[in-house]
Amino acid sequence: MASLINNNDFDQVDFVVGPFFTKTVETASKLLESRKIPVLSPISSGEINGGVNLIQTRPTDIMMQQSIISFIKLHGADKNIVVLADKDKGYLESKILYTLPEAKLVNLQKSIYSKVIWHVF
C-alpha cells in the first residue's frame, strides 16, 4: 500500500474508495491523511482505526444495534414489542431486554422460525 501511494501522483485525486480489507484501508488512510484526501471504506462494518480522513460508509454492528434500540424505544411506547432471538445472540438479547424491559422474548430454534412467527402474530 505504501509503495502504491508513494509511487503515484494523488494531486488531482478528490477521494479514494477502498481498499477493501481493513488493514489496507487503515494504512491508506494514514498515508493520505497529510494530503487531506478522504478514504472511503466501502465494505467493513467493524471498528476501523484510520486517520481523520477515513470515512466508514457502513455503520458498525454496535452503531446499528444502538440505532435500532433507540428507534424502538422512541417509537415503541404503548406497543407490543416481541424480540425474536436465537441462542447465538444472547448479548444482544440482554441489551434489548435491559433497555426495553417491557419487551417479550421468544427464543427461537432455527428449525421452527416459521411456526413461532405464525403463532406470535
PDB file of N, CA and C in Angstrom:
ATOM      1  N   MET A   1       0.833  -1.184   0.000  1.00  0.00           N
ATOM      2  CA  MET A   1       0.000   0.000   0.000  1.00  0.00           C
ATOM      3  C   MET A   1       0.877   1.246   0.000  1.00  0.00           C
ATOM      4  N   ALA A   2       1.902   1.241   0.831  1.00  0.00           N
ATOM      5  CA  ALA A   2       2.795   2.407   0.898  1.00  0.00           C
ATOM      6  C   ALA A   2       3.459   2.655  -0.450  1.00  0.00           C
ATOM      7  N   SER A   3       3.918   1.597  -1.096  1.00  0.00           N
ATOM      8  CA  SER A   3       4.559   1.720  -2.409  1.00  0.00           C
ATOM      9  C   SER A   3       3.581   2.287  -3.440  1.00  0.00           C
ATOM     10  N   LEU A   4       2.369   1.793  -3.443  1.00  0.00           N
ATOM     11  CA  LEU A   4       1.344   2.247  -4.385  1.00  0.00           C
ATOM     12  C   LEU A   4       1.063   3.742  -4.204  1.00  0.00           C
ATOM     13  N   ILE A   5       0.927   4.161  -2.974  1.00  0.00           N
ATOM     14  CA  ILE A   5       0.619   5.569  -2.706  1.00  0.00           C
ATOM     15  C   ILE A   5       1.835   6.461  -2.965  1.00  0.00           C
ATOM     16  N   ASN A   6       2.988   6.021  -2.529  1.00  0.00           N
ATOM     17  CA  ASN A   6       4.194   6.848  -2.680  1.00  0.00           C
ATOM     18  C   ASN A   6       4.683   6.940  -4.124  1.00  0.00           C
ATOM     19  N   ASN A   7       4.343   5.966  -4.960  1.00  0.00           N
ATOM     20  CA  ASN A   7       4.827   5.954  -6.344  1.00  0.00           C
ATOM     21  C   ASN A   7       3.796   6.458  -7.356  1.00  0.00           C
ATOM     22  N   ASN A   8       2.716   7.050  -6.876  1.00  0.00           N
ATOM     23  CA  ASN A   8       1.693   7.581  -7.776  1.00  0.00           C
ATOM     24  C   ASN A   8       1.338   9.003  -7.370  1.00  0.00           C
ATOM     25  N   ASP A   9       0.865   9.759  -8.349  1.00  0.00           N
ATOM     26  CA  ASP A   9       0.507  11.157  -8.133  1.00  0.00           C
ATOM     27  C   ASP A   9      -0.949  11.239  -7.666  1.00  0.00           C
ATOM     28  N   PHE A  10      -1.161  11.766  -6.483  1.00  0.00           N
ATOM     29  CA  PHE A  10      -2.505  11.902  -5.930  1.00  0.00           C
ATOM     30  C   PHE A  10      -2.936  13.369  -5.878  1.00  0.00           C
ATOM     31  N   ASP A  11      -2.214  14.250  -6.577  1.00  0.00           N
ATOM     32  CA  ASP A  11      -2.524  15.680  -6.526  1.00  0.00           C
ATOM     33  C   ASP A  11      -3.907  16.027  -7.070  1.00  0.00           C
ATOM     34  N   GLN A  12      -4.392  15.293  -8.042  1.00  0.00           N
ATOM     35  CA  GLN A  12      -5.698  15.575  -8.641  1.00  0.00           C
ATOM     36  C   GLN A  12      -6.793  14.630  -8.132  1.00  0.00           C
ATOM     37  N   VAL A  13      -6.509  13.894  -7.079  1.00  0.00           N
ATOM     38  CA  VAL A  13      -7.463  12.924  -6.531  1.00  0.00           C
ATOM     39  C   VAL A  13      -8.326  13.605  -5.470  1.00  0.00           C
ATOM     40  N   ASP A  14      -9.658  13.498  -5.639  1.00  0.00           N
ATOM     41  CA  ASP A  14     -10.578  14.090  -4.662  1.00  0.00           C
ATOM     42  C   ASP A  14     -10.817  13.167  -3.473  1.00  0.00           C
ATOM     43  N   PHE A  15     -10.889  11.867  -3.738  1.00  0.00           N
ATOM     44  CA  PHE A  15     -11.075  10.876  -2.677  1.00  0.00           C
ATOM     45  C   PHE A  15     -10.695   9.503  -3.218  1.00  0.00           C
ATOM     46  N   VAL A  16     -10.503   8.560  -2.285  1.00  0.00           N
ATOM     47  CA  VAL A  16     -10.137   7.188  -2.641  1.00  0.00           C
ATOM     48  C   VAL A  16     -11.207   6.264  -2.074  1.00  0.00           C
ATOM     49  N   VAL A  17     -11.685   5.348  -2.895  1.00  0.00           N
ATOM     50  CA  VAL A  17     -12.632   4.328  -2.433  1.00  0.00           C
ATOM     51  C   VAL A  17     -11.845   3.038  -2.259  1.00  0.00           C
ATOM     52  N   GLY A  18     -11.852   2.523  -1.056  1.00  0.00           N
ATOM     53  CA  GLY A  18     -11.111   1.302  -0.770  1.00  0.00           C
ATOM     54  C   GLY A  18      -9.740   1.662  -0.236  1.00  0.00           C
ATOM     55  N   PRO A  19      -8.899   0.707  -0.106  1.00  0.00           N
ATOM     56  CA  PRO A  19      -9.000  -0.712  -0.433  1.00  0.00           C
ATOM     57  C   PRO A  19     -10.085  -1.411   0.397  1.00  0.00           C
ATOM     58  N   PHE A  20     -10.311  -2.664   0.071  1.00  0.00           N
ATOM     59  CA  PHE A  20     -11.420  -3.383   0.681  1.00  0.00           C
ATOM     60  C   PHE A  20     -11.102  -3.994   2.043  1.00  0.00           C
ATOM     61  N   PHE A  21      -9.872  -4.383   2.277  1.00  0.00           N
ATOM     62  CA  PHE A  21      -9.521  -5.022   3.541  1.00  0.00           C
ATOM     63  C   PHE A  21      -9.212  -3.982   4.607  1.00  0.00           C
ATOM     64  N   THR A  22      -9.595  -4.261   5.840  1.00  0.00           N
ATOM     65  CA  THR A  22      -9.482  -3.311   6.940  1.00  0.00           C
ATOM     66  C   THR A  22      -8.059  -2.792   7.120  1.00  0.00           C
ATOM     67  N   LYS A  23      -7.093  -3.676   7.206  1.00  0.00           N
ATOM     68  CA  LYS A  23      -5.702  -3.254   7.436  1.00  0.00           C
ATOM     69  C   LYS A  23      -5.200  -2.332   6.330  1.00  0.00           C
ATOM     70  N   THR A  24      -5.513  -2.653   5.085  1.00  0.00           N
ATOM     71  CA  THR A  24      -5.007  -1.826   3.988  1.00  0.00           C
ATOM     72  C   THR A  24      -5.744  -0.499   3.886  1.00  0.00           C
ATOM     73  N   VAL A  25      -7.020  -0.464   4.222  1.00  0.00           N
ATOM     74  CA  VAL A  25      -7.739   0.815   4.196  1.00  0.00           C
ATOM     75  C   VAL A  25      -7.252   1.712   5.337  1.00  0.00           C
ATOM     76  N   GLU A  26      -6.917   1.105   6.474  1.00  0.00           N
ATOM     77  CA  GLU A  26      -6.344   1.884   7.577  1.00  0.00           C
ATOM     78  C   GLU A  26      -4.991   2.480   7.162  1.00  0.00           C
ATOM     79  N   THR A  27      -4.169   1.667   6.507  1.00  0.00           N
ATOM     80  CA  THR A  27      -2.863   2.130   6.041  1.00  0.00           C
ATOM     81  C   THR A  27      -3.013   3.249   5.013  1.00  0.00           C
ATOM     82  N   ALA A  28      -3.893   3.041   4.036  1.00  0.00           N
ATOM     83  CA  ALA A  28      -4.118   4.064   3.009  1.00  0.00           C
ATOM     84  C   ALA A  28      -4.577   5.371   3.647  1.00  0.00           C
ATOM     85  N   SER A  29      -5.472   5.264   4.605  1.00  0.00           N
ATOM     86  CA  SER A  29      -5.979   6.454   5.286  1.00  0.00           C
ATOM     87  C   SER A  29      -4.853   7.214   5.980  1.00  0.00           C
ATOM     88  N   LYS A  30      -4.014   6.498   6.688  1.00  0.00           N
ATOM     89  CA  LYS A  30      -2.914   7.149   7.408  1.00  0.00           C
ATOM     90  C   LYS A  30      -1.904   7.770   6.445  1.00  0.00           C
ATOM     91  N   LEU A  31      -1.648   7.097   5.336  1.00  0.00           N
ATOM     92  CA  LEU A  31      -0.687   7.620   4.361  1.00  0.00           C
ATOM     93  C   LEU A  31      -1.220   8.842   3.604  1.00  0.00           C
ATOM     94  N   LEU A  32      -2.523   8.906   3.419  1.00  0.00           N
ATOM     95  CA  LEU A  32      -3.122  10.022   2.670  1.00  0.00           C
ATOM     96  C   LEU A  32      -3.651  11.138   3.572  1.00  0.00           C
ATOM     97  N   GLU A  33      -3.569  10.937   4.870  1.00  0.00           N
ATOM     98  CA  GLU A  33      -4.114  11.916   5.821  1.00  0.00           C
ATOM     99  C   GLU A  33      -3.443  13.279   5.685  1.00  0.00           C
ATOM    100  N   SER A  34      -2.131  13.311   5.555  1.00  0.00           N
ATOM    101  CA  SER A  34      -1.426  14.592   5.463  1.00  0.00           C
ATOM    102  C   SER A  34      -1.774  15.348   4.179  1.00  0.00           C
ATOM    103  N   ARG A  35      -2.234  14.614   3.167  1.00  0.00           N
ATOM    104  CA  ARG A  35      -2.636  15.250   1.894  1.00  0.00           C
ATOM    105  C   ARG A  35      -4.109  15.668   1.915  1.00  0.00           C
ATOM    106  N   LYS A  36      -4.779  15.349   3.024  1.00  0.00           N
ATOM    107  CA  LYS A  36      -6.202  15.679   3.201  1.00  0.00           C
ATOM    108  C   LYS A  36      -7.089  15.035   2.133  1.00  0.00           C
ATOM    109  N   ILE A  37      -6.757  13.807   1.765  1.00  0.00           N
ATOM    110  CA  ILE A  37      -7.553  13.052   0.784  1.00  0.00           C
ATOM    111  C   ILE A  37      -8.425  12.061   1.556  1.00  0.00           C
ATOM    112  N   PRO A  38      -9.750  12.207   1.473  1.00  0.00           N
ATOM    113  CA  PRO A  38     -10.638  11.267   2.158  1.00  0.00           C
ATOM    114  C   PRO A  38     -10.499   9.854   1.584  1.00  0.00           C
ATOM    115  N   VAL A  39     -10.568   8.873   2.473  1.00  0.00           N
ATOM    116  CA  VAL A  39     -10.519   7.465   2.086  1.00  0.00           C
ATOM    117  C   VAL A  39     -11.831   6.836   2.564  1.00  0.00           C
ATOM    118  N   LEU A  40     -12.599   6.292   1.624  1.00  0.00           N
ATOM    119  CA  LEU A  40     -13.878   5.680   1.944  1.00  0.00           C
ATOM    120  C   LEU A  40     -13.713   4.170   2.064  1.00  0.00           C
ATOM    121  N   SER A  41     -14.153   3.625   3.180  1.00  0.00           N
ATOM    122  CA  SER A  41     -14.116   2.180   3.388  1.00  0.00           C
ATOM    123  C   SER A  41     -15.486   1.629   2.993  1.00  0.00           C
ATOM    124  N   PRO A  42     -15.586   0.941   1.853  1.00  0.00           N
ATOM    125  CA  PRO A  42     -16.892   0.549   1.329  1.00  0.00           C
ATOM    126  C   PRO A  42     -17.476  -0.742   1.893  1.00  0.00           C
ATOM    127  N   ILE A  43     -16.684  -1.547   2.577  1.00  0.00           N
ATOM    128  CA  ILE A  43     -17.166  -2.870   2.957  1.00  0.00           C
ATOM    129  C   ILE A  43     -17.260  -3.080   4.464  1.00  0.00           C
ATOM    130  N   SER A  44     -16.267  -2.671   5.204  1.00  0.00           N
ATOM    131  CA  SER A  44     -16.160  -3.030   6.612  1.00  0.00           C
ATOM    132  C   SER A  44     -17.285  -2.444   7.454  1.00  0.00           C
ATOM    133  N   SER A  45     -17.808  -3.277   8.362  1.00  0.00           N
ATOM    134  CA  SER A  45     -18.777  -2.793   9.339  1.00  0.00           C
ATOM    135  C   SER A  45     -18.219  -2.960  10.748  1.00  0.00           C
ATOM    136  N   GLY A  46     -16.935  -3.288  10.841  1.00  0.00           N
ATOM    137  CA  GLY A  46     -16.271  -3.405  12.134  1.00  0.00           C
ATOM    138  C   GLY A  46     -15.586  -2.110  12.503  1.00  0.00           C
ATOM    139  N   GLU A  47     -14.941  -2.121  13.643  1.00  0.00           N
ATOM    140  CA  GLU A  47     -14.208  -0.943  14.086  1.00  0.00           C
ATOM    141  C   GLU A  47     -12.968  -0.758  13.214  1.00  0.00           C
ATOM    142  N   ILE A  48     -12.730   0.466  12.745  1.00  0.00           N
ATOM    143  CA  ILE A  48     -11.584   0.774  11.906  1.00  0.00           C
ATOM    144  C   ILE A  48     -10.794   1.902  12.568  1.00  0.00           C
ATOM    145  N   ASN A  49      -9.468   1.773  12.545  1.00  0.00           N
ATOM    146  CA  ASN A  49      -8.591   2.775  13.159  1.00  0.00           C
ATOM    147  C   ASN A  49      -7.727   3.429  12.103  1.00  0.00           C
ATOM    148  N   GLY A  50      -8.289   4.344  11.389  1.00  0.00           N
ATOM    149  CA  GLY A  50      -7.531   5.078  10.378  1.00  0.00           C
ATOM    150  C   GLY A  50      -7.308   6.498  10.825  1.00  0.00           C
ATOM    151  N   GLY A  51      -6.941   7.332   9.882  1.00  0.00           N
ATOM    152  CA  GLY A  51      -6.770   8.744  10.172  1.00  0.00           C
ATOM    153  C   GLY A  51      -8.107   9.471  10.206  1.00  0.00           C
ATOM    154  N   VAL A  52      -8.058  10.780  10.440  1.00  0.00           N
ATOM    155  CA  VAL A  52      -9.286  11.576  10.479  1.00  0.00           C
ATOM    156  C   VAL A  52      -9.946  11.668   9.105  1.00  0.00           C
ATOM    157  N   ASN A  53      -9.226  11.281   8.072  1.00  0.00           N
ATOM    158  CA  ASN A  53      -9.757  11.312   6.712  1.00  0.00           C
ATOM    159  C   ASN A  53     -10.496  10.031   6.329  1.00  0.00           C
ATOM    160  N   LEU A  54     -10.560   9.053   7.230  1.00  0.00           N
ATOM    161  CA  LEU A  54     -11.216   7.776   6.931  1.00  0.00           C
ATOM    162  C   LEU A  54     -12.718   7.897   7.142  1.00  0.00           C
ATOM    163  N   ILE A  55     -13.475   7.554   6.122  1.00  0.00           N
ATOM    164  CA  ILE A  55     -14.934   7.593   6.180  1.00  0.00           C
ATOM    165  C   ILE A  55     -15.448   6.173   6.035  1.00  0.00           C
ATOM    166  N   GLN A  56     -16.103   5.706   7.053  1.00  0.00           N
ATOM    167  CA  GLN A  56     -16.665   4.361   7.021  1.00  0.00           C
ATOM    168  C   GLN A  56     -18.086   4.470   6.472  1.00  0.00           C
ATOM    169  N   THR A  57     -18.332   3.847   5.326  1.00  0.00           N
ATOM    170  CA  THR A  57     -19.618   4.001   4.646  1.00  0.00           C
ATOM    171  C   THR A  57     -20.703   3.089   5.196  1.00  0.00           C
ATOM    172  N   ARG A  58     -20.326   2.099   5.973  1.00  0.00           N
ATOM    173  CA  ARG A  58     -21.295   1.210   6.618  1.00  0.00           C
ATOM    174  C   ARG A  58     -21.195   1.383   8.121  1.00  0.00           C
ATOM    175  N   PRO A  59     -22.320   1.413   8.813  1.00  0.00           N
ATOM    176  CA  PRO A  59     -22.249   1.542  10.268  1.00  0.00           C
ATOM    177  C   PRO A  59     -21.677   0.271  10.886  1.00  0.00           C
ATOM    178  N   THR A  60     -21.054   0.426  12.051  1.00  0.00           N
ATOM    179  CA  THR A  60     -20.574  -0.749  12.774  1.00  0.00           C
ATOM    180  C   THR A  60     -21.787  -1.512  13.304  1.00  0.00           C
ATOM    181  N   ASP A  61     -21.575  -2.749  13.684  1.00  0.00           N
ATOM    182  CA  ASP A  61     -22.663  -3.547  14.248  1.00  0.00           C
ATOM    183  C   ASP A  61     -23.198  -2.892  15.524  1.00  0.00           C
ATOM    184  N   ILE A  62     -22.312  -2.338  16.327  1.00  0.00           N
ATOM    185  CA  ILE A  62     -22.733  -1.678  17.567  1.00  0.00           C
ATOM    186  C   ILE A  62     -23.574  -0.441  17.263  1.00  0.00           C
ATOM    187  N   MET A  63     -23.161   0.352  16.278  1.00  0.00           N
ATOM    188  CA  MET A  63     -23.943   1.534  15.891  1.00  0.00           C
ATOM    189  C   MET A  63     -25.333   1.123  15.414  1.00  0.00           C
ATOM    190  N   MET A  64     -25.392   0.050  14.627  1.00  0.00           N
ATOM    191  CA  MET A  64     -26.676  -0.422  14.118  1.00  0.00           C
ATOM    192  C   MET A  64     -27.576  -0.887  15.266  1.00  0.00           C
ATOM    193  N   GLN A  65     -27.005  -1.632  16.200  1.00  0.00           N
ATOM    194  CA  GLN A  65     -27.778  -2.098  17.356  1.00  0.00           C
ATOM    195  C   GLN A  65     -28.306  -0.922  18.165  1.00  0.00           C
ATOM    196  N   GLN A  66     -27.443   0.065  18.422  1.00  0.00           N
ATOM    197  CA  GLN A  66     -27.860   1.235  19.195  1.00  0.00           C
ATOM    198  C   GLN A  66     -28.961   2.008  18.481  1.00  0.00           C
ATOM    199  N   SER A  67     -28.857   2.131  17.175  1.00  0.00           N
ATOM    200  CA  SER A  67     -29.873   2.845  16.401  1.00  0.00           C
ATOM    201  C   SER A  67     -31.218   2.130  16.460  1.00  0.00           C
ATOM    202  N   ILE A  68     -31.190   0.821  16.309  1.00  0.00           N
ATOM    203  CA  ILE A  68     -32.434   0.051  16.346  1.00  0.00           C
ATOM    204  C   ILE A  68     -33.086   0.150  17.717  1.00  0.00           C
ATOM    205  N   ILE A  69     -32.291  -0.013  18.766  1.00  0.00           N
ATOM    206  CA  ILE A  69     -32.836   0.063  20.124  1.00  0.00           C
ATOM    207  C   ILE A  69     -33.381   1.462  20.403  1.00  0.00           C
ATOM    208  N   SER A  70     -32.660   2.499  19.988  1.00  0.00           N
ATOM    209  CA  SER A  70     -33.139   3.877  20.188  1.00  0.00           C
ATOM    210  C   SER A  70     -34.438   4.127  19.443  1.00  0.00           C
ATOM    211  N   PHE A  71     -34.523   3.624  18.206  1.00  0.00           N
ATOM    212  CA  PHE A  71     -35.738   3.800  17.411  1.00  0.00           C
ATOM    213  C   PHE A  71     -36.927   3.121  18.086  1.00  0.00           C
ATOM    214  N   ILE A  72     -36.731   1.891  18.531  1.00  0.00           N
ATOM    215  CA  ILE A  72     -37.824   1.150  19.177  1.00  0.00           C
ATOM    216  C   ILE A  72     -38.226   1.841  20.472  1.00  0.00           C
ATOM    217  N   LYS A  73     -37.239   2.301  21.225  1.00  0.00           N
ATOM    218  CA  LYS A  73     -37.541   2.987  22.486  1.00  0.00           C
ATOM    219  C   LYS A  73     -38.336   4.267  22.231  1.00  0.00           C
ATOM    220  N   LEU A  74     -37.961   5.001  21.196  1.00  0.00           N
ATOM    221  CA  LEU A  74     -38.626   6.262  20.870  1.00  0.00           C
ATOM    222  C   LEU A  74     -40.035   6.052  20.310  1.00  0.00           C
ATOM    223  N   HIS A  75     -40.188   5.069  19.424  1.00  0.00           N
ATOM    224  CA  HIS A  75     -41.461   4.868  18.732  1.00  0.00           C
ATOM    225  C   HIS A  75     -42.269   3.678  19.236  1.00  0.00           C
ATOM    226  N   GLY A  76     -41.768   2.971  20.240  1.00  0.00           N
ATOM    227  CA  GLY A  76     -42.426   1.754  20.682  1.00  0.00           C
ATOM    228  C   GLY A  76     -43.294   1.900  21.915  1.00  0.00           C
ATOM    229  N   ALA A  77     -43.479   3.137  22.382  1.00  0.00           N
ATOM    230  CA  ALA A  77     -44.306   3.345  23.575  1.00  0.00           C
ATOM    231  C   ALA A  77     -45.706   2.805  23.336  1.00  0.00           C
ATOM    232  N   ASP A  78     -46.234   2.086  24.319  1.00  0.00           N
ATOM    233  CA  ASP A  78     -47.576   1.514  24.254  1.00  0.00           C
ATOM    234  C   ASP A  78     -47.745   0.508  23.120  1.00  0.00           C
ATOM    235  N   LYS A  79     -46.635  -0.059  22.650  1.00  0.00           N
ATOM    236  CA  LYS A  79     -46.698  -1.071  21.594  1.00  0.00           C
ATOM    237  C   LYS A  79     -46.329  -2.427  22.196  1.00  0.00           C
ATOM    238  N   ASN A  80     -46.774  -3.481  21.572  1.00  0.00           N
ATOM    239  CA  ASN A  80     -46.416  -4.834  21.984  1.00  0.00           C
ATOM    240  C   ASN A  80     -45.103  -5.195  21.290  1.00  0.00           C
ATOM    241  N   ILE A  81     -44.007  -5.164  22.030  1.00  0.00           N
ATOM    242  CA  ILE A  81     -42.693  -5.427  21.459  1.00  0.00           C
ATOM    243  C   ILE A  81     -42.314  -6.874  21.737  1.00  0.00           C
ATOM    244  N   VAL A  82     -42.043  -7.604  20.663  1.00  0.00           N
ATOM    245  CA  VAL A  82     -41.654  -9.008  20.775  1.00  0.00           C
ATOM    246  C   VAL A  82     -40.260  -9.153  20.173  1.00  0.00           C
ATOM    247  N   VAL A  83     -39.350  -9.702  20.948  1.00  0.00           N
ATOM    248  CA  VAL A  83     -37.982  -9.919  20.499  1.00  0.00           C
ATOM    249  C   VAL A  83     -37.846 -11.383  20.103  1.00  0.00           C
ATOM    250  N   LEU A  84     -37.566 -11.609  18.822  1.00  0.00           N
ATOM    251  CA  LEU A  84     -37.322 -12.965  18.330  1.00  0.00           C
ATOM    252  C   LEU A  84     -35.816 -13.159  18.326  1.00  0.00           C
ATOM    253  N   ALA A  85     -35.316 -14.088  19.134  1.00  0.00           N
ATOM    254  CA  ALA A  85     -33.869 -14.241  19.276  1.00  0.00           C
ATOM    255  C   ALA A  85     -33.473 -15.705  19.230  1.00  0.00           C
ATOM    256  N   ASP A  86     -32.272 -15.938  18.714  1.00  0.00           N
ATOM    257  CA  ASP A  86     -31.730 -17.288  18.795  1.00  0.00           C
ATOM    258  C   ASP A  86     -30.619 -17.284  19.840  1.00  0.00           C
ATOM    259  N   LYS A  87     -30.147 -18.443  20.194  1.00  0.00           N
ATOM    260  CA  LYS A  87     -29.183 -18.570  21.289  1.00  0.00           C
ATOM    261  C   LYS A  87     -27.835 -17.942  20.968  1.00  0.00           C
ATOM    262  N   ASP A  88     -27.523 -17.729  19.704  1.00  0.00           N
ATOM    263  CA  ASP A  88     -26.238 -17.159  19.314  1.00  0.00           C
ATOM    264  C   ASP A  88     -26.126 -15.675  19.634  1.00  0.00           C
ATOM    265  N   LYS A  89     -27.221 -15.009  19.898  1.00  0.00           N
ATOM    266  CA  LYS A  89     -27.215 -13.556  20.113  1.00  0.00           C
ATOM    267  C   LYS A  89     -27.623 -13.197  21.545  1.00  0.00           C
ATOM    268  N   GLY A  90     -27.144 -13.955  22.522  1.00  0.00           N
ATOM    269  CA  GLY A  90     -27.515 -13.730  23.918  1.00  0.00           C
ATOM    270  C   GLY A  90     -27.158 -12.351  24.425  1.00  0.00           C
ATOM    271  N   TYR A  91     -25.993 -11.828  24.023  1.00  0.00           N
ATOM    272  CA  TYR A  91     -25.574 -10.499  24.467  1.00  0.00           C
ATOM    273  C   TYR A  91     -26.531  -9.428  23.962  1.00  0.00           C
ATOM    274  N   LEU A  92     -26.995  -9.571  22.721  1.00  0.00           N
ATOM    275  CA  LEU A  92     -27.912  -8.595  22.151  1.00  0.00           C
ATOM    276  C   LEU A  92     -29.283  -8.704  22.817  1.00  0.00           C
ATOM    277  N   GLU A  93     -29.711  -9.914  23.061  1.00  0.00           N
ATOM    278  CA  GLU A  93     -30.971 -10.153  23.760  1.00  0.00           C
ATOM    279  C   GLU A  93     -30.952  -9.449  25.119  1.00  0.00           C
ATOM    280  N   SER A  94     -29.872  -9.612  25.879  1.00  0.00           N
ATOM    281  CA  SER A  94     -29.746  -8.971  27.199  1.00  0.00           C
ATOM    282  C   SER A  94     -29.790  -7.461  27.081  1.00  0.00           C
ATOM    283  N   LYS A  95     -29.108  -6.927  26.077  1.00  0.00           N
ATOM    284  CA  LYS A  95     -29.065  -5.481  25.873  1.00  0.00           C
ATOM    285  C   LYS A  95     -30.463  -4.940  25.566  1.00  0.00           C
ATOM    286  N   ILE A  96     -31.203  -5.633  24.708  1.00  0.00           N
ATOM    287  CA  ILE A  96     -32.552  -5.194  24.346  1.00  0.00           C
ATOM    288  C   ILE A  96     -33.473  -5.254  25.557  1.00  0.00           C
ATOM    289  N   LEU A  97     -33.438  -6.368  26.295  1.00  0.00           N
ATOM    290  CA  LEU A  97     -34.329  -6.518  27.443  1.00  0.00           C
ATOM    291  C   LEU A  97     -33.979  -5.547  28.579  1.00  0.00           C
ATOM    292  N   TYR A  98     -32.707  -5.187  28.709  1.00  0.00           N
ATOM    293  CA  TYR A  98     -32.306  -4.196  29.707  1.00  0.00           C
ATOM    294  C   TYR A  98     -32.857  -2.823  29.325  1.00  0.00           C
ATOM    295  N   THR A  99     -32.725  -2.477  28.042  1.00  0.00           N
ATOM    296  CA  THR A  99     -33.163  -1.173  27.557  1.00  0.00           C
ATOM    297  C   THR A  99     -34.680  -1.098  27.450  1.00  0.00           C
ATOM    298  N   LEU A 100     -35.308  -2.200  27.066  1.00  0.00           N
ATOM    299  CA  LEU A 100     -36.760  -2.251  26.858  1.00  0.00           C
ATOM    300  C   LEU A 100     -37.350  -3.356  27.723  1.00  0.00           C
ATOM    301  N   PRO A 101     -37.437  -3.156  29.032  1.00  0.00           N
ATOM    302  CA  PRO A 101     -37.885  -4.226  29.937  1.00  0.00           C
ATOM    303  C   PRO A 101     -39.314  -4.711  29.673  1.00  0.00           C
ATOM    304  N   GLU A 102     -40.118  -3.913  28.988  1.00  0.00           N
ATOM    305  CA  GLU A 102     -41.493  -4.319  28.687  1.00  0.00           C
ATOM    306  C   GLU A 102     -41.567  -5.287  27.503  1.00  0.00           C
ATOM    307  N   ALA A 103     -40.463  -5.467  26.813  1.00  0.00           N
ATOM    308  CA  ALA A 103     -40.439  -6.360  25.638  1.00  0.00           C
ATOM    309  C   ALA A 103     -40.605  -7.814  26.077  1.00  0.00           C
ATOM    310  N   LYS A 104     -41.222  -8.584  25.210  1.00  0.00           N
ATOM    311  CA  LYS A 104     -41.401 -10.016  25.449  1.00  0.00           C
ATOM    312  C   LYS A 104     -40.391 -10.767  24.600  1.00  0.00           C
ATOM    313  N   LEU A 105     -39.825 -11.803  25.156  1.00  0.00           N
ATOM    314  CA  LEU A 105     -38.777 -12.557  24.484  1.00  0.00           C
ATOM    315  C   LEU A 105     -39.306 -13.894  23.982  1.00  0.00           C
ATOM    316  N   VAL A 106     -39.006 -14.202  22.739  1.00  0.00           N
ATOM    317  CA  VAL A 106     -39.304 -15.513  22.166  1.00  0.00           C
ATOM    318  C   VAL A 106     -37.983 -16.084  21.679  1.00  0.00           C
ATOM    319  N   ASN A 107     -37.505 -17.135  22.355  1.00  0.00           N
ATOM    320  CA  ASN A 107     -36.281 -17.796  21.912  1.00  0.00           C
ATOM    321  C   ASN A 107     -36.629 -18.757  20.793  1.00  0.00           C
ATOM    322  N   LEU A 108     -35.864 -18.680  19.737  1.00  0.00           N
ATOM    323  CA  LEU A 108     -36.157 -19.490  18.563  1.00  0.00           C
ATOM    324  C   LEU A 108     -35.086 -20.539  18.323  1.00  0.00           C
ATOM    325  N   GLN A 109     -35.525 -21.622  17.745  1.00  0.00           N
ATOM    326  CA  GLN A 109     -34.610 -22.610  17.191  1.00  0.00           C
ATOM    327  C   GLN A 109     -34.765 -22.457  15.695  1.00  0.00           C
ATOM    328  N   LYS A 110     -33.673 -22.487  14.986  1.00  0.00           N
ATOM    329  CA  LYS A 110     -33.711 -22.210  13.549  1.00  0.00           C
ATOM    330  C   LYS A 110     -34.743 -23.051  12.808  1.00  0.00           C
ATOM    331  N   SER A 111     -34.996 -24.266  13.226  1.00  0.00           N
ATOM    332  CA  SER A 111     -35.914 -25.150  12.502  1.00  0.00           C
ATOM    333  C   SER A 111     -37.382 -24.801  12.721  1.00  0.00           C
ATOM    334  N   ILE A 112     -37.667 -23.964  13.722  1.00  0.00           N
ATOM    335  CA  ILE A 112     -39.081 -23.672  13.988  1.00  0.00           C
ATOM    336  C   ILE A 112     -39.430 -22.196  13.814  1.00  0.00           C
ATOM    337  N   TYR A 113     -38.590 -21.420  13.129  1.00  0.00           N
ATOM    338  CA  TYR A 113     -38.871 -19.999  12.934  1.00  0.00           C
ATOM    339  C   TYR A 113     -40.293 -19.741  12.452  1.00  0.00           C
ATOM    340  N   SER A 114     -40.662 -20.347  11.360  1.00  0.00           N
ATOM    341  CA  SER A 114     -41.957 -20.040  10.751  1.00  0.00           C
ATOM    342  C   SER A 114     -43.112 -20.415  11.663  1.00  0.00           C
ATOM    343  N   LYS A 115     -43.031 -21.528  12.374  1.00  0.00           N
ATOM    344  CA  LYS A 115     -44.114 -21.932  13.280  1.00  0.00           C
ATOM    345  C   LYS A 115     -44.297 -20.901  14.393  1.00  0.00           C
ATOM    346  N   VAL A 116     -43.201 -20.456  14.983  1.00  0.00           N
ATOM    347  CA  VAL A 116     -43.283 -19.483  16.070  1.00  0.00           C
ATOM    348  C   VAL A 116     -43.830 -18.153  15.576  1.00  0.00           C
ATOM    349  N   ILE A 117     -43.349 -17.695  14.443  1.00  0.00           N
ATOM    350  CA  ILE A 117     -43.799 -16.406  13.915  1.00  0.00           C
ATOM    351  C   ILE A 117     -45.304 -16.438  13.657  1.00  0.00           C
ATOM    352  N   TRP A 118     -45.818 -17.509  13.101  1.00  0.00           N
ATOM    353  CA  TRP A 118     -47.254 -17.589  12.847  1.00  0.00           C
ATOM    354  C   TRP A 118     -48.042 -17.577  14.153  1.00  0.00           C
ATOM    355  N   HIS A 119     -47.539 -18.212  15.192  1.00  0.00           N
ATOM    356  CA  HIS A 119     -48.266 -18.252  16.460  1.00  0.00           C
ATOM    357  C   HIS A 119     -48.197 -16.917  17.203  1.00  0.00           C
ATOM    358  N   VAL A 120     -47.091 -16.194  17.054  1.00  0.00           N
ATOM    359  CA  VAL A 120     -46.958 -14.910  17.736  1.00  0.00           C
ATOM    360  C   VAL A 120     -47.885 -13.875  17.100  1.00  0.00           C
ATOM    361  N   PHE A 121     -47.978 -13.880  15.779  1.00  0.00           N
ATOM    362  CA  PHE A 121     -48.780 -12.888  15.081  1.00  0.00           C
ATOM    363  C   PHE A 121     -50.119 -13.452  14.706  1.00  0.00           C
TER     364      PHE A 121
END
